[in-house]
Amino acid sequence: MAFGDLIKYITPVFLFYYSRRFVQSKEDLHGILTTFLVSCIFPFSIFLYESIFNPIAIEYISEGRGGGSRIRGAYADIMNYAIFFIVFLIIICYYFLVHMYNRLSSMKVKTWHLIVGIVFVLYGLTRIRHVSTWGVFLFLIILFCSINLLNSKRVDFLHFCFTYCNHLFCRVFMRYILHLSSVKSKWNVKVKQRQIWHLMEE
C-alpha cells in the first residue's frame, strides 16, 4: 500500500476520534470551522488568479466525459478544489442557519453573504467541471432548503433562493448535456466514416 493511500484511509478515522475528544462545545466547533474558512484564502486566491489571468495547470477531459479542459491549480488532482468549494458551502450555510435561529450569535452570515457564497461556488464548479461535485452541490442545496422550511419567517427567502439556484443549475446542466450530446454525435459520425473507409479499402 502506498503511503499516500495510507494517509487517505487513516485521515477520516483520525478526524472522527479527534472530534470526539477535543470538540466539546459549539465554541470549539466554530473555531475549527472558522479556521477552515481562513485556510480557504490560499486556494481561492490561486483559483481567482487562474480565472482572471492565466491557468497554472490545465487538465483535459476525454470526449466521453464531455470534452474540453478544466483548471486544477497547483494541485495534483481536481478534487482539492472540489473539497474546498463543497466544505466552504457547508460552513457558510451552517453559519447562516445559526444566525437565523440565534440572533445573538457572533456568527453573522446575512442573506446577501450566503447568495454571494453560493454564486462563487457555482462559478468554481463551472470552472473545475467535476460532475460528481455537482451532485453533492445539488444535494446540499436541497438539504439546506428543506431545513429552511422549518422557519416560516424565511419562506420568501427560501422561494427566491430555490428558484434562483434551480434555474441556474438547470441552465448549466442543460448546456453540459447539449455539449455532451454534440460530442457524442460527432464521435458517432467519425466512427461511421472510419467504417465506410474500411469497407472501401476492402
Protein backbone atom coordinates (compact mmCIF):
# COMPACT_ATOMS: atom_id res chain seq x y z
CA MET A 1 0.00 0.00 0.00
CA ALA A 2 1.37 3.42 -0.96
CA PHE A 3 2.00 5.99 1.76
CA GLY A 4 -0.47 8.41 0.15
CA ASP A 5 -3.24 5.79 0.19
CA LEU A 6 -2.47 5.03 3.83
CA ILE A 7 -2.91 8.69 4.77
CA LYS A 8 -6.15 8.83 2.79
CA TYR A 9 -7.62 5.86 4.66
CA ILE A 10 -6.44 6.91 8.12
CA THR A 11 -7.46 10.58 7.95
CA PRO A 12 -11.28 10.11 8.31
CA VAL A 13 -10.77 7.84 11.34
CA PHE A 14 -8.33 10.31 12.88
CA LEU A 15 -10.73 13.23 12.33
CA PHE A 16 -13.59 11.27 13.92
CA TYR A 17 -11.69 10.48 17.12
CA TYR A 18 -10.16 13.95 17.21
CA SER A 19 -13.64 15.48 17.07
CA ARG A 20 -14.95 13.15 19.77
CA ARG A 21 -12.05 14.06 22.05
CA PHE A 22 -11.48 17.78 21.53
CA VAL A 23 -14.76 19.23 20.20
CA GLN A 24 -16.71 19.59 23.45
CA SER A 25 -18.80 22.69 22.72
CA LYS A 26 -20.08 24.90 19.91
CA GLU A 27 -17.20 27.29 20.51
CA ASP A 28 -14.76 24.51 19.68
CA LEU A 29 -16.72 23.62 16.55
CA HIS A 30 -16.94 27.23 15.43
CA GLY A 31 -13.22 27.62 15.97
CA ILE A 32 -12.46 24.69 13.67
CA LEU A 33 -14.91 25.91 11.01
CA THR A 34 -13.53 29.45 11.12
CA THR A 35 -10.00 28.07 10.80
CA PHE A 36 -11.04 26.18 7.67
CA LEU A 37 -12.56 29.36 6.20
CA VAL A 38 -9.26 31.15 6.80
CA SER A 39 -7.40 28.28 5.14
CA CYS A 40 -9.61 28.74 2.03
CA ILE A 41 -7.91 32.08 1.32
CA PHE A 42 -4.89 30.48 -0.32
CA PRO A 43 -6.63 28.00 -2.71
CA PHE A 44 -9.33 30.54 -3.60
CA SER A 45 -6.65 33.14 -4.35
CA ILE A 46 -4.97 30.66 -6.69
CA PHE A 47 -8.34 29.90 -8.28
CA LEU A 48 -9.11 33.59 -8.87
CA TYR A 49 -5.63 34.10 -10.32
CA GLU A 50 -6.20 31.23 -12.74
CA SER A 51 -9.64 32.52 -13.69
CA ILE A 52 -8.59 36.15 -14.22
CA PHE A 53 -5.04 35.91 -15.54
CA ASN A 54 -3.58 32.58 -16.60
CA PRO A 55 -4.23 28.93 -15.61
CA ILE A 56 -1.37 27.30 -13.73
CA ALA A 57 -2.27 23.77 -14.81
CA ILE A 58 -4.88 22.60 -17.31
CA GLU A 59 -6.39 19.12 -17.26
CA TYR A 60 -8.00 17.93 -20.48
CA ILE A 61 -11.16 15.84 -20.33
CA SER A 62 -11.84 12.94 -22.68
CA GLU A 63 -14.64 13.23 -25.21
CA GLY A 64 -16.59 10.51 -23.45
CA ARG A 65 -16.76 12.71 -20.32
CA GLY A 66 -17.83 15.86 -22.16
CA GLY A 67 -14.55 17.05 -23.63
CA GLY A 68 -12.86 20.39 -23.03
CA SER A 69 -10.49 21.38 -20.25
CA ARG A 70 -10.57 22.37 -16.59
CA ILE A 71 -8.21 24.09 -14.19
CA ARG A 72 -6.65 22.37 -11.20
CA GLY A 73 -4.20 24.97 -9.90
CA ALA A 74 -1.03 23.88 -8.16
CA TYR A 75 -2.65 20.64 -7.01
CA ALA A 76 -2.15 17.16 -8.42
CA ASP A 77 -5.89 16.44 -8.58
CA ILE A 78 -9.03 18.44 -9.26
CA MET A 79 -10.61 17.07 -6.05
CA ASN A 80 -8.59 19.55 -3.98
CA TYR A 81 -10.56 22.45 -5.44
CA ALA A 82 -13.80 20.45 -5.18
CA ILE A 83 -13.29 19.71 -1.46
CA PHE A 84 -12.60 23.36 -0.64
CA PHE A 85 -15.68 24.54 -2.55
CA ILE A 86 -18.04 21.99 -1.00
CA VAL A 87 -16.82 22.39 2.59
CA PHE A 88 -16.90 26.19 2.17
CA LEU A 89 -20.54 25.90 1.08
CA ILE A 90 -21.41 23.68 4.06
CA ILE A 91 -19.82 26.12 6.53
CA ILE A 92 -21.49 29.29 5.21
CA CYS A 93 -24.87 27.51 5.12
CA TYR A 94 -24.33 26.35 8.71
CA TYR A 95 -23.36 29.84 9.87
CA PHE A 96 -26.40 31.27 8.11
CA LEU A 97 -28.70 28.85 9.93
CA VAL A 98 -27.00 29.61 13.25
CA HIS A 99 -27.57 33.32 12.70
CA MET A 100 -31.17 32.69 11.63
CA TYR A 101 -32.16 30.75 14.74
CA ASN A 102 -29.98 32.68 17.19
CA ARG A 103 -29.75 36.41 16.55
CA LEU A 104 -27.33 36.81 19.46
CA SER A 105 -24.78 34.56 17.80
CA SER A 106 -21.47 36.17 16.85
CA MET A 107 -21.51 34.32 13.52
CA LYS A 108 -23.44 36.77 11.38
CA VAL A 109 -23.87 35.47 7.85
CA LYS A 110 -26.58 37.53 6.20
CA THR A 111 -28.69 36.61 3.19
CA TRP A 112 -26.56 38.51 0.68
CA HIS A 113 -23.42 36.90 2.15
CA LEU A 114 -24.94 33.49 1.52
CA ILE A 115 -26.00 34.36 -2.03
CA VAL A 116 -22.53 35.66 -2.89
CA GLY A 117 -21.00 32.48 -1.46
CA ILE A 118 -23.33 30.22 -3.45
CA VAL A 119 -22.68 32.15 -6.66
CA PHE A 120 -18.92 31.90 -6.08
CA VAL A 121 -19.17 28.13 -5.53
CA LEU A 122 -21.30 27.81 -8.67
CA TYR A 123 -18.71 29.67 -10.68
CA GLY A 124 -16.00 27.46 -9.24
CA LEU A 125 -17.88 24.31 -10.20
CA THR A 126 -18.27 25.53 -13.78
CA ARG A 127 -14.52 26.03 -13.95
CA ILE A 128 -13.40 22.72 -12.46
CA ARG A 129 -16.11 20.76 -14.35
CA HIS A 130 -16.35 17.84 -11.94
CA VAL A 131 -19.68 16.02 -12.41
CA SER A 132 -19.92 14.26 -9.03
CA THR A 133 -19.28 17.58 -7.23
CA TRP A 134 -22.33 18.99 -9.00
CA GLY A 135 -24.38 16.17 -7.48
CA VAL A 136 -23.05 16.94 -3.99
CA PHE A 137 -23.78 20.63 -4.51
CA LEU A 138 -27.37 19.92 -5.57
CA PHE A 139 -27.91 17.62 -2.58
CA LEU A 140 -26.61 20.27 -0.16
CA ILE A 141 -28.84 22.96 -1.64
CA ILE A 142 -31.90 20.70 -1.34
CA LEU A 143 -30.95 19.83 2.25
CA PHE A 144 -30.42 23.49 3.11
CA CYS A 145 -33.79 24.48 1.62
CA SER A 146 -35.58 21.66 3.47
CA ILE A 147 -34.12 22.88 6.77
CA ASN A 148 -35.32 26.39 5.97
CA LEU A 149 -38.86 25.04 5.64
CA LEU A 150 -38.88 24.74 9.43
CA ASN A 151 -38.70 28.50 9.72
CA SER A 152 -41.85 30.17 8.38
CA LYS A 153 -40.25 33.60 8.58
CA ARG A 154 -37.88 32.68 5.76
CA VAL A 155 -40.39 31.37 3.22
CA ASP A 156 -39.77 34.31 0.87
CA PHE A 157 -36.04 33.82 1.04
CA LEU A 158 -36.45 30.07 0.51
CA HIS A 159 -38.56 30.64 -2.59
CA PHE A 160 -36.09 33.12 -4.03
CA CYS A 161 -33.03 31.03 -3.23
CA PHE A 162 -34.50 27.77 -4.51
CA THR A 163 -35.86 29.36 -7.70
CA TYR A 164 -32.60 31.15 -8.48
CA CYS A 165 -30.35 28.17 -7.78
CA ASN A 166 -32.65 25.74 -9.58
CA HIS A 167 -32.83 27.99 -12.65
CA LEU A 168 -29.07 28.50 -12.73
CA PHE A 169 -28.31 24.83 -12.13
CA CYS A 170 -30.76 23.74 -14.85
CA ARG A 171 -29.18 26.11 -17.36
CA VAL A 172 -25.66 24.91 -16.63
CA PHE A 173 -26.73 21.25 -16.56
CA MET A 174 -28.64 21.54 -19.86
CA ARG A 175 -25.69 23.24 -21.54
CA TYR A 176 -23.46 20.42 -20.34
CA ILE A 177 -25.91 17.77 -21.65
CA LEU A 178 -26.20 19.51 -25.02
CA HIS A 179 -22.44 19.76 -25.28
CA LEU A 180 -22.08 16.09 -24.37
CA SER A 181 -24.70 15.15 -26.98
CA SER A 182 -22.92 17.11 -29.70
CA VAL A 183 -19.60 15.49 -28.81
CA LYS A 184 -21.14 12.02 -28.92
CA SER A 185 -22.85 12.74 -32.25
CA LYS A 186 -19.56 13.93 -33.74
CA TRP A 187 -17.87 10.83 -32.39
CA ASN A 188 -20.53 8.59 -33.96
CA VAL A 189 -20.06 10.35 -37.31
CA LYS A 190 -16.30 9.75 -37.11
CA VAL A 191 -16.87 6.08 -36.28
CA LYS A 192 -19.22 5.65 -39.26
CA GLN A 193 -16.75 7.38 -41.57
CA ARG A 194 -13.99 5.06 -40.43
CA GLN A 195 -16.23 2.06 -41.04
CA ILE A 196 -17.04 3.29 -44.55
CA TRP A 197 -13.36 3.90 -45.33
CA HIS A 198 -12.51 0.44 -44.01
CA LEU A 199 -15.16 -1.15 -46.25
CA MET A 200 -13.95 0.84 -49.26
CA GLU A 201 -10.35 -0.29 -48.66
CA GLU A 202 -11.50 -3.91 -48.53
